[in-house]
Amino acid sequence: MAAEAKTLGASRMMEIESKKRYALTLSFVSMQLSKILDDIGEMLIKRMMSIHKKGRQHLKDHKEKTQKRTDSLISTLHELLLAYQTEGNPEERILAMQKVLQEHEAQVLQDCENHLAFSGDNYFLFLWRFYKSHRATLFKILKSIRLRSTTQDKELEEAISFLLTHQYTKKEYIPAVHIEKKGKRIGKLRLY
């Protein structure tokens, strides 16, 4: 019916019986609405894929920039292991390890923590800079389109509801309460 309605002009539509005209019009509007929702969904998916692609590329660039630091950490680890394997009592070994670190213990530890934050291809820490300019638009889409699960699993719907509830929260962490049989457990959820 929608295809038929699309081919008819305004004068031809006026010649059709009113019940059929309304049915054709509703069918056409429904088809157009479905097409619009599909287009919005496709744009949303493409935008999110682009954001993730940029995040992965930024992680790759970051790893290339910090390769010298990583090499230095491996070298320090190598020297520490050699110092640990030296002959002597435990105190002499510790002194040999302290000699390797000298007064750079805090810097070596900080470098290790920085490296670990991005280990395992964890590019999620880079996503915010690419996502933040689209955040308001993505929330508008989530508000205006009711997404329903096609299965019995409602977790995505619950997650979207949670996000919409905390849309204006500026905190890095949001307190989340999980009720269990043993009582209440309070956890933290990180917002990106």
C-alpha atoms as a PDB file:
ATOM      1  CA  MET A   1       0.000   0.000   0.000  1.00  0.00           C
ATOM      2  CA  ALA A   2       2.852   2.401   0.787  1.00  0.00           C
ATOM      3  CA  ALA A   3       4.338   1.851  -2.665  1.00  0.00           C
ATOM      4  CA  GLU A   4       0.966   2.626  -4.243  1.00  0.00           C
ATOM      5  CA  ALA A   5       0.604   5.783  -2.126  1.00  0.00           C
ATOM      6  CA  LYS A   6       4.074   6.905  -3.204  1.00  0.00           C
ATOM      7  CA  THR A   7       3.102   6.781  -6.878  1.00  0.00           C
ATOM      8  CA  LEU A   8      -0.080   8.807  -6.460  1.00  0.00           C
ATOM      9  CA  GLY A   9      -0.185  12.572  -6.783  1.00  0.00           C
ATOM     10  CA  ALA A  10      -2.319  14.901  -4.654  1.00  0.00           C
ATOM     11  CA  SER A  11      -5.128  15.163  -7.249  1.00  0.00           C
ATOM     12  CA  ARG A  12      -5.272  11.367  -7.688  1.00  0.00           C
ATOM     13  CA  MET A  13      -5.368  10.886  -3.889  1.00  0.00           C
ATOM     14  CA  MET A  14      -8.367  13.244  -3.647  1.00  0.00           C
ATOM     15  CA  GLU A  15     -10.268  11.074  -6.154  1.00  0.00           C
ATOM     16  CA  ILE A  16      -9.877   7.966  -3.961  1.00  0.00           C
ATOM     17  CA  GLU A  17     -12.470   7.011  -1.345  1.00  0.00           C
ATOM     18  CA  SER A  18     -11.589   8.658   2.015  1.00  0.00           C
ATOM     19  CA  LYS A  19     -11.085   5.371   3.936  1.00  0.00           C
ATOM     20  CA  LYS A  20      -8.652   4.086   1.328  1.00  0.00           C
ATOM     21  CA  ARG A  21      -6.958   7.494   1.113  1.00  0.00           C
ATOM     22  CA  TYR A  22      -6.366   7.499   4.909  1.00  0.00           C
ATOM     23  CA  ALA A  23      -5.108   3.918   4.815  1.00  0.00           C
ATOM     24  CA  LEU A  24      -2.692   4.732   1.967  1.00  0.00           C
ATOM     25  CA  THR A  25      -1.521   7.880   3.751  1.00  0.00           C
ATOM     26  CA  LEU A  26      -0.932   6.043   7.046  1.00  0.00           C
ATOM     27  CA  SER A  27       0.865   3.262   5.232  1.00  0.00           C
ATOM     28  CA  PHE A  28       3.109   5.765   3.448  1.00  0.00           C
ATOM     29  CA  VAL A  29       3.853   7.749   6.631  1.00  0.00           C
ATOM     30  CA  SER A  30       4.623   4.530   8.504  1.00  0.00           C
ATOM     31  CA  MET A  31       7.017   3.411   5.753  1.00  0.00           C
ATOM     32  CA  GLN A  32       8.755   6.794   5.734  1.00  0.00           C
ATOM     33  CA  LEU A  33       9.072   6.771   9.538  1.00  0.00           C
ATOM     34  CA  SER A  34      10.625   3.302   9.416  1.00  0.00           C
ATOM     35  CA  LYS A  35      13.075   4.506   6.761  1.00  0.00           C
ATOM     36  CA  ILE A  36      13.999   7.545   8.865  1.00  0.00           C
ATOM     37  CA  LEU A  37      14.579   5.369  11.950  1.00  0.00           C
ATOM     38  CA  ASP A  38      16.735   2.991   9.896  1.00  0.00           C
ATOM     39  CA  ASP A  39      18.763   5.938   8.584  1.00  0.00           C
ATOM     40  CA  ILE A  40      19.230   7.352  12.100  1.00  0.00           C
ATOM     41  CA  GLY A  41      20.304   3.932  13.374  1.00  0.00           C
ATOM     42  CA  GLU A  42      22.769   3.553  10.517  1.00  0.00           C
ATOM     43  CA  MET A  43      24.199   7.040  11.151  1.00  0.00           C
ATOM     44  CA  LEU A  44      24.535   6.246  14.858  1.00  0.00           C
ATOM     45  CA  ILE A  45      26.370   3.001  14.133  1.00  0.00           C
ATOM     46  CA  LYS A  46      28.686   4.701  11.624  1.00  0.00           C
ATOM     47  CA  ARG A  47      29.438   7.513  14.096  1.00  0.00           C
ATOM     48  CA  MET A  48      30.282   5.079  16.901  1.00  0.00           C
ATOM     49  CA  MET A  49      32.441   2.982  14.557  1.00  0.00           C
ATOM     50  CA  SER A  50      34.293   6.136  13.512  1.00  0.00           C
ATOM     51  CA  ILE A  51      34.856   7.125  17.156  1.00  0.00           C
ATOM     52  CA  HIS A  52      36.249   3.666  17.962  1.00  0.00           C
ATOM     53  CA  LYS A  53      38.446   3.701  14.851  1.00  0.00           C
ATOM     54  CA  LYS A  54      39.909   7.050  15.903  1.00  0.00           C
ATOM     55  CA  GLY A  55      40.459   5.709  19.438  1.00  0.00           C
ATOM     56  CA  ARG A  56      42.342   2.662  18.127  1.00  0.00           C
ATOM     57  CA  GLN A  57      44.458   4.875  15.863  1.00  0.00           C
ATOM     58  CA  HIS A  58      45.235   7.227  18.740  1.00  0.00           C
ATOM     59  CA  LEU A  59      46.342   4.247  20.872  1.00  0.00           C
ATOM     60  CA  LYS A  60      48.597   3.084  18.038  1.00  0.00           C
ATOM     61  CA  ASP A  61      50.116   6.577  17.769  1.00  0.00           C
ATOM     62  CA  HIS A  62      50.535   6.703  21.546  1.00  0.00           C
ATOM     63  CA  LYS A  63      52.370   3.383  21.561  1.00  0.00           C
ATOM     64  CA  GLU A  64      54.697   4.576  18.805  1.00  0.00           C
ATOM     65  CA  LYS A  65      55.425   7.787  20.742  1.00  0.00           C
ATOM     66  CA  THR A  66      56.105   5.923  23.987  1.00  0.00           C
ATOM     67  CA  GLN A  67      58.180   3.110  22.484  1.00  0.00           C
ATOM     68  CA  LYS A  68      61.392   4.663  23.825  1.00  0.00           C
ATOM     69  CA  ARG A  69      59.958   4.712  27.361  1.00  0.00           C
ATOM     70  CA  THR A  70      58.816   1.093  26.997  1.00  0.00           C
ATOM     71  CA  ASP A  71      62.276   0.063  25.836  1.00  0.00           C
ATOM     72  CA  SER A  72      63.744   1.878  28.834  1.00  0.00           C
ATOM     73  CA  LEU A  73      61.402   0.007  31.199  1.00  0.00           C
ATOM     74  CA  ILE A  74      62.402  -3.340  29.700  1.00  0.00           C
ATOM     75  CA  SER A  75      66.046  -2.391  30.039  1.00  0.00           C
ATOM     76  CA  THR A  76      65.493  -1.447  33.705  1.00  0.00           C
ATOM     77  CA  LEU A  77      63.679  -4.729  34.324  1.00  0.00           C
ATOM     78  CA  HIS A  78      66.561  -6.613  32.712  1.00  0.00           C
ATOM     79  CA  GLU A  79      69.091  -4.835  34.913  1.00  0.00           C
ATOM     80  CA  LEU A  80      66.942  -5.471  38.021  1.00  0.00           C
ATOM     81  CA  LEU A  81      66.775  -9.181  37.256  1.00  0.00           C
ATOM     82  CA  LEU A  82      70.525  -9.326  36.740  1.00  0.00           C
ATOM     83  CA  ALA A  83      71.027  -7.526  40.056  1.00  0.00           C
ATOM     84  CA  TYR A  84      68.619  -9.925  41.749  1.00  0.00           C
ATOM     85  CA  GLN A  85      70.578 -12.895  40.408  1.00  0.00           C
ATOM     86  CA  THR A  86      73.922 -11.652  41.754  1.00  0.00           C
ATOM     87  CA  GLU A  87      75.697 -13.802  44.279  1.00  0.00           C
ATOM     88  CA  GLY A  88      75.431 -12.846  47.911  1.00  0.00           C
ATOM     89  CA  ASN A  89      72.969 -12.519  50.733  1.00  0.00           C
ATOM     90  CA  PRO A  90      69.536 -10.874  50.345  1.00  0.00           C
ATOM     91  CA  GLU A  91      70.792  -7.497  51.603  1.00  0.00           C
ATOM     92  CA  GLU A  92      73.507  -7.418  48.924  1.00  0.00           C
ATOM     93  CA  ARG A  93      70.962  -8.260  46.257  1.00  0.00           C
ATOM     94  CA  ILE A  94      68.653  -5.476  47.417  1.00  0.00           C
ATOM     95  CA  LEU A  95      71.578  -3.033  47.377  1.00  0.00           C
ATOM     96  CA  ALA A  96      72.413  -4.102  43.815  1.00  0.00           C
ATOM     97  CA  MET A  97      68.772  -3.546  42.814  1.00  0.00           C
ATOM     98  CA  GLN A  98      68.719  -0.142  44.522  1.00  0.00           C
ATOM     99  CA  LYS A  99      71.867   0.776  42.611  1.00  0.00           C
ATOM    100  CA  VAL A 100      70.054   0.018  39.339  1.00  0.00           C
ATOM    101  CA  LEU A 101      67.083   2.192  40.310  1.00  0.00           C
ATOM    102  CA  GLN A 102      69.173   4.877  42.023  1.00  0.00           C
ATOM    103  CA  GLU A 103      66.731   7.669  42.861  1.00  0.00           C
ATOM    104  CA  HIS A 104      64.369   6.964  39.953  1.00  0.00           C
ATOM    105  CA  GLU A 105      62.064   4.489  41.714  1.00  0.00           C
ATOM    106  CA  ALA A 106      59.049   6.805  41.622  1.00  0.00           C
ATOM    107  CA  GLN A 107      59.552   7.621  37.927  1.00  0.00           C
ATOM    108  CA  VAL A 108      59.976   3.953  36.967  1.00  0.00           C
ATOM    109  CA  LEU A 109      56.813   3.089  38.901  1.00  0.00           C
ATOM    110  CA  GLN A 110      54.882   5.929  37.239  1.00  0.00           C
ATOM    111  CA  ASP A 111      56.130   4.846  33.801  1.00  0.00           C
ATOM    112  CA  CYS A 112      54.999   1.275  34.528  1.00  0.00           C
ATOM    113  CA  GLU A 113      51.529   2.471  35.569  1.00  0.00           C
ATOM    114  CA  ASN A 114      51.246   4.653  32.464  1.00  0.00           C
ATOM    115  CA  HIS A 115      52.226   1.713  30.280  1.00  0.00           C
ATOM    116  CA  LEU A 116      49.787  -0.662  31.990  1.00  0.00           C
ATOM    117  CA  ALA A 117      46.902   1.782  31.500  1.00  0.00           C
ATOM    118  CA  PHE A 118      47.170   1.255  27.732  1.00  0.00           C
ATOM    119  CA  SER A 119      48.268  -2.373  27.655  1.00  0.00           C
ATOM    120  CA  GLY A 120      46.197  -5.040  25.966  1.00  0.00           C
ATOM    121  CA  ASP A 121      44.988  -2.698  23.198  1.00  0.00           C
ATOM    122  CA  ASN A 122      42.888  -0.709  25.688  1.00  0.00           C
ATOM    123  CA  TYR A 123      41.950   2.274  23.517  1.00  0.00           C
ATOM    124  CA  PHE A 124      38.853   3.166  25.561  1.00  0.00           C
ATOM    125  CA  LEU A 125      40.733   5.845  27.503  1.00  0.00           C
ATOM    126  CA  PHE A 126      41.128   7.766  24.226  1.00  0.00           C
ATOM    127  CA  LEU A 127      37.455   7.668  23.206  1.00  0.00           C
ATOM    128  CA  TRP A 128      36.202  10.631  25.250  1.00  0.00           C
ATOM    129  CA  ARG A 129      37.961  13.250  23.138  1.00  0.00           C
ATOM    130  CA  PHE A 130      36.216  11.930  20.003  1.00  0.00           C
ATOM    131  CA  TYR A 131      32.881  11.201  21.674  1.00  0.00           C
ATOM    132  CA  LYS A 132      32.274  14.389  23.669  1.00  0.00           C
ATOM    133  CA  SER A 133      31.328  16.558  20.675  1.00  0.00           C
ATOM    134  CA  HIS A 134      28.629  14.024  19.709  1.00  0.00           C
ATOM    135  CA  ARG A 135      27.355  13.283  23.232  1.00  0.00           C
ATOM    136  CA  ALA A 136      24.358  15.639  23.167  1.00  0.00           C
ATOM    137  CA  THR A 137      23.215  14.350  19.774  1.00  0.00           C
ATOM    138  CA  LEU A 138      23.527  10.732  20.843  1.00  0.00           C
ATOM    139  CA  PHE A 139      21.447  11.439  23.946  1.00  0.00           C
ATOM    140  CA  LYS A 140      18.798  13.182  21.814  1.00  0.00           C
ATOM    141  CA  ILE A 141      18.587  10.062  19.664  1.00  0.00           C
ATOM    142  CA  LEU A 142      18.280   7.812  22.715  1.00  0.00           C
ATOM    143  CA  LYS A 143      15.530  10.060  24.115  1.00  0.00           C
ATOM    144  CA  SER A 144      13.495  10.273  20.925  1.00  0.00           C
ATOM    145  CA  ILE A 145      13.710   6.666  19.752  1.00  0.00           C
ATOM    146  CA  ARG A 146      12.369   3.884  21.933  1.00  0.00           C
ATOM    147  CA  LEU A 147      14.718   0.961  21.549  1.00  0.00           C
ATOM    148  CA  ARG A 148      13.240  -2.425  22.404  1.00  0.00           C
ATOM    149  CA  SER A 149      15.001  -5.739  22.703  1.00  0.00           C
ATOM    150  CA  THR A 150      13.998  -8.399  20.201  1.00  0.00           C
ATOM    151  CA  THR A 151      14.786 -11.065  22.803  1.00  0.00           C
ATOM    152  CA  GLN A 152      13.958 -11.570  26.476  1.00  0.00           C
ATOM    153  CA  ASP A 153      17.294 -10.037  27.444  1.00  0.00           C
ATOM    154  CA  LYS A 154      16.467  -6.515  28.656  1.00  0.00           C
ATOM    155  CA  GLU A 155      19.965  -5.524  29.845  1.00  0.00           C
ATOM    156  CA  LEU A 156      20.596  -3.096  26.985  1.00  0.00           C
ATOM    157  CA  GLU A 157      17.261  -1.390  27.627  1.00  0.00           C
ATOM    158  CA  GLU A 158      18.159  -1.089  31.318  1.00  0.00           C
ATOM    159  CA  ALA A 159      21.605   0.302  30.446  1.00  0.00           C
ATOM    160  CA  ILE A 160      20.058   2.941  28.160  1.00  0.00           C
ATOM    161  CA  SER A 161      17.570   3.875  30.885  1.00  0.00           C
ATOM    162  CA  PHE A 162      20.455   4.196  33.375  1.00  0.00           C
ATOM    163  CA  LEU A 163      22.395   6.417  30.958  1.00  0.00           C
ATOM    164  CA  LEU A 164      19.385   8.648  30.346  1.00  0.00           C
ATOM    165  CA  THR A 165      18.805   8.955  34.095  1.00  0.00           C
ATOM    166  CA  HIS A 166      22.393  10.150  34.576  1.00  0.00           C
ATOM    167  CA  GLN A 167      22.672  12.177  31.383  1.00  0.00           C
ATOM    168  CA  TYR A 168      23.508  15.423  33.199  1.00  0.00           C
ATOM    169  CA  THR A 169      25.819  13.922  35.811  1.00  0.00           C
ATOM    170  CA  LYS A 170      29.255  15.533  35.645  1.00  0.00           C
ATOM    171  CA  LYS A 171      31.021  13.150  38.030  1.00  0.00           C
ATOM    172  CA  GLU A 172      33.667  10.733  36.810  1.00  0.00           C
ATOM    173  CA  TYR A 173      32.006   7.938  38.801  1.00  0.00           C
ATOM    174  CA  ILE A 174      28.318   7.310  39.476  1.00  0.00           C
ATOM    175  CA  PRO A 175      27.290   5.389  42.569  1.00  0.00           C
ATOM    176  CA  ALA A 176      25.302   2.319  41.568  1.00  0.00           C
ATOM    177  CA  VAL A 177      23.374   0.200  44.036  1.00  0.00           C
ATOM    178  CA  HIS A 178      23.076  -3.526  43.399  1.00  0.00           C
ATOM    179  CA  ILE A 179      20.594  -5.390  45.578  1.00  0.00           C
ATOM    180  CA  GLU A 180      21.604  -8.946  46.374  1.00  0.00           C
ATOM    181  CA  LYS A 181      20.161 -11.543  48.727  1.00  0.00           C
ATOM    182  CA  LYS A 182      22.938 -10.783  51.217  1.00  0.00           C
ATOM    183  CA  GLY A 183      22.099  -7.091  51.346  1.00  0.00           C
ATOM    184  CA  LYS A 184      23.149  -4.006  49.485  1.00  0.00           C
ATOM    185  CA  ARG A 185      26.443  -3.592  47.689  1.00  0.00           C
ATOM    186  CA  ILE A 186      27.542  -0.219  46.395  1.00  0.00           C
ATOM    187  CA  GLY A 187      29.783  -0.162  43.361  1.00  0.00           C
ATOM    188  CA  LYS A 188      31.095   2.481  41.012  1.00  0.00           C
ATOM    189  CA  LEU A 189      30.458   2.794  37.288  1.00  0.00           C
ATOM    190  CA  ARG A 190      32.785   4.857  35.153  1.00  0.00           C
ATOM    191  CA  LEU A 191      31.231   7.262  32.658  1.00  0.00           C
ATOM    192  CA  TYR A 192      32.980   8.016  29.395  1.00  0.00           C
END
